[in-house]
Amino acid sequence: MHGESDRLSRAGSYVLGLMGEADRERAEHDLEIDPAFREAVFTVAERLHKIEMPRLESGHADRPPAKVMPLTRVKPAAPDARTASPRQALVIAIALIAAFVAGYLAALARMM
């Protein structure tokens, strides 16, 4: 269980953008090759999403709520289906995580 705790802590640092460049590059590499770390990153992002959305929405009651797409787990595609390469999938995942972190930080800045 100690390994799981370390993995979640590392995933949290990655999702929140708290890693140095070398650690971030290592984490991005691990996202490609380590399903357990990839799942931990997804879990942390999902938890942050669930925690922050009600708080953000209640803090801006005078504005219409933003449409939020639900986070869902994607089943692996069939081997013969057209899919993005692992590198393309990683770039997309990083872009989505960066967008989430940027939104989180922007909302946090508004609250202060």
N, C-alpha and C. Protein backbone atom coordinates (compact mmCIF):
# COMPACT_ATOMS: atom_id res chain seq x y z
N MET A 1 0.83 -1.19 0.00
CA MET A 1 0.00 0.00 0.00
C MET A 1 0.87 1.25 0.00
N HIS A 2 2.10 1.12 0.52
CA HIS A 2 3.00 2.27 0.54
C HIS A 2 3.29 2.73 -0.88
N GLY A 3 3.46 1.80 -1.81
CA GLY A 3 3.71 2.15 -3.20
C GLY A 3 2.54 2.90 -3.81
N GLU A 4 1.32 2.51 -3.47
CA GLU A 4 0.12 3.17 -3.98
C GLU A 4 0.06 4.60 -3.48
N SER A 5 0.40 4.81 -2.21
CA SER A 5 0.40 6.15 -1.64
C SER A 5 1.43 7.04 -2.34
N ASP A 6 2.61 6.50 -2.58
CA ASP A 6 3.64 7.26 -3.29
C ASP A 6 3.20 7.58 -4.72
N ARG A 7 2.57 6.61 -5.36
CA ARG A 7 2.10 6.79 -6.73
C ARG A 7 1.05 7.90 -6.80
N LEU A 8 0.10 7.90 -5.84
CA LEU A 8 -0.94 8.93 -5.82
C LEU A 8 -0.34 10.30 -5.51
N SER A 9 0.63 10.35 -4.62
CA SER A 9 1.29 11.61 -4.29
C SER A 9 2.01 12.17 -5.52
N ARG A 10 2.72 11.30 -6.22
CA ARG A 10 3.43 11.72 -7.44
C ARG A 10 2.44 12.15 -8.52
N ALA A 11 1.34 11.43 -8.65
CA ALA A 11 0.31 11.79 -9.63
C ALA A 11 -0.29 13.15 -9.29
N GLY A 12 -0.51 13.41 -8.00
CA GLY A 12 -1.03 14.70 -7.57
C GLY A 12 -0.08 15.83 -7.92
N SER A 13 1.20 15.62 -7.68
CA SER A 13 2.19 16.64 -8.04
C SER A 13 2.19 16.90 -9.53
N TYR A 14 2.03 15.83 -10.31
CA TYR A 14 2.01 15.98 -11.76
C TYR A 14 0.76 16.74 -12.21
N VAL A 15 -0.40 16.35 -11.71
CA VAL A 15 -1.66 16.98 -12.12
C VAL A 15 -1.67 18.46 -11.75
N LEU A 16 -1.14 18.80 -10.60
CA LEU A 16 -1.14 20.20 -10.15
C LEU A 16 0.02 21.01 -10.72
N GLY A 17 0.90 20.37 -11.48
CA GLY A 17 2.01 21.10 -12.09
C GLY A 17 3.08 21.51 -11.10
N LEU A 18 3.29 20.71 -10.07
CA LEU A 18 4.25 21.05 -9.02
C LEU A 18 5.61 20.40 -9.23
N MET A 19 5.81 19.71 -10.33
CA MET A 19 7.06 19.00 -10.58
C MET A 19 8.04 19.89 -11.33
N GLY A 20 9.32 19.63 -11.07
CA GLY A 20 10.36 20.25 -11.88
C GLY A 20 10.37 19.61 -13.26
N GLU A 21 11.16 20.20 -14.15
CA GLU A 21 11.15 19.72 -15.54
C GLU A 21 11.58 18.26 -15.66
N ALA A 22 12.63 17.87 -14.96
CA ALA A 22 13.11 16.48 -15.06
C ALA A 22 12.07 15.50 -14.52
N ASP A 23 11.47 15.83 -13.37
CA ASP A 23 10.44 14.95 -12.80
C ASP A 23 9.22 14.88 -13.69
N ARG A 24 8.85 16.03 -14.29
CA ARG A 24 7.69 16.05 -15.19
C ARG A 24 7.93 15.18 -16.41
N GLU A 25 9.14 15.28 -16.99
CA GLU A 25 9.47 14.45 -18.16
C GLU A 25 9.44 12.96 -17.79
N ARG A 26 9.94 12.63 -16.60
CA ARG A 26 9.92 11.24 -16.15
C ARG A 26 8.48 10.77 -15.96
N ALA A 27 7.65 11.64 -15.40
CA ALA A 27 6.23 11.30 -15.19
C ALA A 27 5.52 11.11 -16.53
N GLU A 28 5.81 11.98 -17.50
CA GLU A 28 5.18 11.84 -18.81
C GLU A 28 5.60 10.53 -19.49
N HIS A 29 6.84 10.15 -19.30
CA HIS A 29 7.30 8.86 -19.82
C HIS A 29 6.56 7.71 -19.13
N ASP A 30 6.41 7.83 -17.81
CA ASP A 30 5.71 6.79 -17.05
C ASP A 30 4.23 6.70 -17.45
N LEU A 31 3.64 7.83 -17.85
CA LEU A 31 2.25 7.79 -18.32
C LEU A 31 2.12 6.88 -19.53
N GLU A 32 3.15 6.85 -20.37
CA GLU A 32 3.12 6.01 -21.56
C GLU A 32 3.28 4.53 -21.23
N ILE A 33 4.11 4.23 -20.24
CA ILE A 33 4.49 2.82 -20.03
C ILE A 33 3.91 2.17 -18.78
N ASP A 34 3.41 2.96 -17.84
CA ASP A 34 2.96 2.42 -16.55
C ASP A 34 1.46 2.62 -16.36
N PRO A 35 0.67 1.56 -16.59
CA PRO A 35 -0.78 1.69 -16.45
C PRO A 35 -1.21 2.09 -15.04
N ALA A 36 -0.47 1.66 -14.02
CA ALA A 36 -0.84 2.00 -12.64
C ALA A 36 -0.67 3.49 -12.40
N PHE A 37 0.42 4.07 -12.92
CA PHE A 37 0.63 5.51 -12.76
C PHE A 37 -0.40 6.30 -13.56
N ARG A 38 -0.69 5.83 -14.76
CA ARG A 38 -1.70 6.48 -15.61
C ARG A 38 -3.05 6.49 -14.88
N GLU A 39 -3.41 5.39 -14.26
CA GLU A 39 -4.67 5.28 -13.51
C GLU A 39 -4.64 6.22 -12.29
N ALA A 40 -3.48 6.34 -11.64
CA ALA A 40 -3.36 7.24 -10.50
C ALA A 40 -3.55 8.69 -10.93
N VAL A 41 -2.99 9.08 -12.07
CA VAL A 41 -3.17 10.44 -12.59
C VAL A 41 -4.64 10.69 -12.87
N PHE A 42 -5.30 9.72 -13.51
CA PHE A 42 -6.72 9.86 -13.80
C PHE A 42 -7.53 9.99 -12.49
N THR A 43 -7.20 9.19 -11.51
CA THR A 43 -7.90 9.22 -10.23
C THR A 43 -7.75 10.58 -9.54
N VAL A 44 -6.54 11.10 -9.52
CA VAL A 44 -6.30 12.40 -8.88
C VAL A 44 -7.06 13.50 -9.61
N ALA A 45 -6.99 13.50 -10.95
CA ALA A 45 -7.70 14.51 -11.73
C ALA A 45 -9.21 14.42 -11.50
N GLU A 46 -9.71 13.20 -11.43
CA GLU A 46 -11.15 12.99 -11.20
C GLU A 46 -11.55 13.51 -9.81
N ARG A 47 -10.75 13.22 -8.80
CA ARG A 47 -11.05 13.68 -7.44
C ARG A 47 -11.03 15.20 -7.36
N LEU A 48 -10.04 15.83 -7.97
CA LEU A 48 -9.97 17.29 -7.97
C LEU A 48 -11.18 17.88 -8.68
N HIS A 49 -11.57 17.25 -9.76
CA HIS A 49 -12.74 17.72 -10.51
C HIS A 49 -13.98 17.66 -9.63
N LYS A 50 -14.15 16.56 -8.92
CA LYS A 50 -15.33 16.40 -8.06
C LYS A 50 -15.32 17.37 -6.88
N ILE A 51 -14.14 17.67 -6.37
CA ILE A 51 -14.03 18.57 -5.22
C ILE A 51 -14.24 20.02 -5.64
N GLU A 52 -13.63 20.43 -6.72
CA GLU A 52 -13.62 21.83 -7.10
C GLU A 52 -14.88 22.31 -7.80
N MET A 53 -15.53 21.49 -8.58
CA MET A 53 -16.67 21.97 -9.35
C MET A 53 -17.80 22.51 -8.47
N PRO A 54 -18.24 21.82 -7.43
CA PRO A 54 -19.31 22.41 -6.59
C PRO A 54 -18.87 23.71 -5.92
N ARG A 55 -17.62 23.77 -5.50
CA ARG A 55 -17.12 24.96 -4.83
C ARG A 55 -17.05 26.13 -5.82
N LEU A 56 -16.57 25.87 -7.02
CA LEU A 56 -16.48 26.92 -8.02
C LEU A 56 -17.86 27.39 -8.45
N GLU A 57 -18.76 26.44 -8.65
CA GLU A 57 -20.11 26.80 -9.08
C GLU A 57 -20.83 27.62 -8.01
N SER A 58 -20.67 27.27 -6.76
CA SER A 58 -21.36 28.01 -5.70
C SER A 58 -20.75 29.40 -5.51
N GLY A 59 -19.49 29.56 -5.83
CA GLY A 59 -18.85 30.86 -5.69
C GLY A 59 -19.23 31.84 -6.79
N HIS A 60 -19.84 31.35 -7.84
CA HIS A 60 -20.21 32.20 -8.98
C HIS A 60 -21.69 32.00 -9.30
N ALA A 61 -22.52 32.11 -8.30
CA ALA A 61 -23.95 31.87 -8.51
C ALA A 61 -24.59 32.88 -9.45
N ASP A 62 -23.99 34.08 -9.58
CA ASP A 62 -24.57 35.10 -10.46
C ASP A 62 -24.29 34.83 -11.93
N ARG A 63 -23.39 33.91 -12.21
CA ARG A 63 -23.06 33.56 -13.59
C ARG A 63 -23.70 32.22 -13.95
N PRO A 64 -24.03 32.02 -15.22
CA PRO A 64 -24.56 30.71 -15.59
C PRO A 64 -23.47 29.64 -15.42
N PRO A 65 -23.84 28.48 -14.93
CA PRO A 65 -22.83 27.44 -14.72
C PRO A 65 -22.25 26.98 -16.04
N ALA A 66 -20.97 26.66 -16.02
CA ALA A 66 -20.30 26.16 -17.21
C ALA A 66 -20.73 24.74 -17.47
N LYS A 67 -20.77 24.37 -18.73
CA LYS A 67 -21.05 22.98 -19.06
C LYS A 67 -19.80 22.17 -18.77
N VAL A 68 -19.95 21.13 -18.01
CA VAL A 68 -18.82 20.28 -17.65
C VAL A 68 -19.08 18.89 -18.19
N MET A 69 -18.14 18.41 -18.96
CA MET A 69 -18.27 17.05 -19.49
C MET A 69 -17.92 16.07 -18.37
N PRO A 70 -18.71 15.04 -18.21
CA PRO A 70 -18.40 14.06 -17.16
C PRO A 70 -17.13 13.29 -17.48
N LEU A 71 -16.36 12.99 -16.45
CA LEU A 71 -15.17 12.17 -16.64
C LEU A 71 -15.61 10.71 -16.69
N THR A 72 -15.24 10.04 -17.73
CA THR A 72 -15.59 8.63 -17.86
C THR A 72 -14.36 7.84 -18.24
N ARG A 73 -14.35 6.63 -17.84
CA ARG A 73 -13.25 5.75 -18.22
C ARG A 73 -13.54 5.21 -19.62
N VAL A 74 -12.51 5.20 -20.43
CA VAL A 74 -12.66 4.76 -21.81
C VAL A 74 -12.19 3.32 -21.92
N LYS A 75 -13.01 2.49 -22.55
CA LYS A 75 -12.60 1.11 -22.76
C LYS A 75 -11.56 1.08 -23.88
N PRO A 76 -10.56 0.22 -23.78
CA PRO A 76 -9.57 0.13 -24.85
C PRO A 76 -10.23 -0.25 -26.18
N ALA A 77 -9.71 0.33 -27.22
CA ALA A 77 -10.25 0.03 -28.54
C ALA A 77 -9.81 -1.36 -28.98
N ALA A 78 -10.56 -1.92 -29.90
CA ALA A 78 -10.19 -3.22 -30.47
C ALA A 78 -8.85 -3.06 -31.18
N PRO A 79 -8.03 -4.09 -31.21
CA PRO A 79 -6.70 -3.97 -31.81
C PRO A 79 -6.73 -3.50 -33.27
N ASP A 80 -7.78 -3.81 -34.00
CA ASP A 80 -7.80 -3.42 -35.40
C ASP A 80 -8.44 -2.04 -35.62
N ALA A 81 -8.91 -1.41 -34.57
CA ALA A 81 -9.55 -0.09 -34.70
C ALA A 81 -8.49 0.99 -34.88
N ARG A 82 -8.87 2.07 -35.56
CA ARG A 82 -7.95 3.19 -35.71
C ARG A 82 -7.91 3.96 -34.41
N THR A 83 -6.72 4.12 -33.86
CA THR A 83 -6.55 4.85 -32.61
C THR A 83 -5.32 5.74 -32.73
N ALA A 84 -5.23 6.69 -31.83
CA ALA A 84 -4.06 7.55 -31.78
C ALA A 84 -2.87 6.74 -31.28
N SER A 85 -1.70 7.12 -31.72
CA SER A 85 -0.49 6.45 -31.23
C SER A 85 -0.34 6.79 -29.75
N PRO A 86 0.43 6.01 -29.01
CA PRO A 86 0.62 6.32 -27.59
C PRO A 86 1.18 7.73 -27.39
N ARG A 87 2.05 8.16 -28.28
CA ARG A 87 2.61 9.50 -28.16
C ARG A 87 1.54 10.58 -28.37
N GLN A 88 0.68 10.37 -29.36
CA GLN A 88 -0.41 11.32 -29.60
C GLN A 88 -1.37 11.34 -28.41
N ALA A 89 -1.67 10.17 -27.88
CA ALA A 89 -2.56 10.09 -26.72
C ALA A 89 -1.94 10.81 -25.53
N LEU A 90 -0.64 10.69 -25.35
CA LEU A 90 0.04 11.37 -24.26
C LEU A 90 -0.05 12.88 -24.43
N VAL A 91 0.17 13.36 -25.63
CA VAL A 91 0.09 14.80 -25.89
C VAL A 91 -1.32 15.31 -25.59
N ILE A 92 -2.32 14.57 -26.01
CA ILE A 92 -3.70 14.96 -25.74
C ILE A 92 -3.97 14.96 -24.24
N ALA A 93 -3.51 13.92 -23.55
CA ALA A 93 -3.72 13.84 -22.10
C ALA A 93 -3.04 15.00 -21.38
N ILE A 94 -1.83 15.34 -21.79
CA ILE A 94 -1.10 16.43 -21.17
C ILE A 94 -1.82 17.76 -21.41
N ALA A 95 -2.32 17.94 -22.64
CA ALA A 95 -3.05 19.17 -22.96
C ALA A 95 -4.31 19.29 -22.10
N LEU A 96 -5.03 18.19 -21.93
CA LEU A 96 -6.24 18.21 -21.10
C LEU A 96 -5.91 18.50 -19.65
N ILE A 97 -4.87 17.88 -19.15
CA ILE A 97 -4.47 18.11 -17.76
C ILE A 97 -4.02 19.56 -17.59
N ALA A 98 -3.25 20.08 -18.54
CA ALA A 98 -2.81 21.47 -18.46
C ALA A 98 -4.00 22.43 -18.47
N ALA A 99 -5.00 22.13 -19.31
CA ALA A 99 -6.19 22.97 -19.35
C ALA A 99 -6.94 22.92 -18.01
N PHE A 100 -7.03 21.74 -17.43
CA PHE A 100 -7.69 21.59 -16.13
C PHE A 100 -6.96 22.39 -15.06
N VAL A 101 -5.62 22.27 -15.03
CA VAL A 101 -4.83 22.98 -14.02
C VAL A 101 -4.94 24.48 -14.24
N ALA A 102 -4.90 24.93 -15.49
CA ALA A 102 -5.03 26.37 -15.77
C ALA A 102 -6.39 26.89 -15.29
N GLY A 103 -7.44 26.15 -15.55
CA GLY A 103 -8.76 26.54 -15.07
C GLY A 103 -8.84 26.57 -13.56
N TYR A 104 -8.24 25.58 -12.94
CA TYR A 104 -8.23 25.51 -11.48
C TYR A 104 -7.50 26.72 -10.90
N LEU A 105 -6.32 27.04 -11.45
CA LEU A 105 -5.54 28.16 -10.94
C LEU A 105 -6.25 29.49 -11.20
N ALA A 106 -6.90 29.62 -12.36
CA ALA A 106 -7.63 30.85 -12.65
C ALA A 106 -8.79 31.02 -11.67
N ALA A 107 -9.51 29.97 -11.40
CA ALA A 107 -10.60 30.04 -10.44
C ALA A 107 -10.10 30.34 -9.04
N LEU A 108 -8.98 29.75 -8.70
CA LEU A 108 -8.39 30.00 -7.39
C LEU A 108 -7.97 31.45 -7.25
N ALA A 109 -7.41 32.02 -8.32
CA ALA A 109 -6.98 33.42 -8.30
C ALA A 109 -8.19 34.35 -8.15
N ARG A 110 -9.32 34.01 -8.76
CA ARG A 110 -10.53 34.82 -8.64
C ARG A 110 -11.07 34.81 -7.22
N MET A 111 -10.86 33.71 -6.53
CA MET A 111 -11.41 33.56 -5.19
C MET A 111 -10.60 34.34 -4.16
N MET A 112 -9.38 34.66 -4.51
CA MET A 112 -8.51 35.36 -3.54
C MET A 112 -8.70 36.84 -3.61
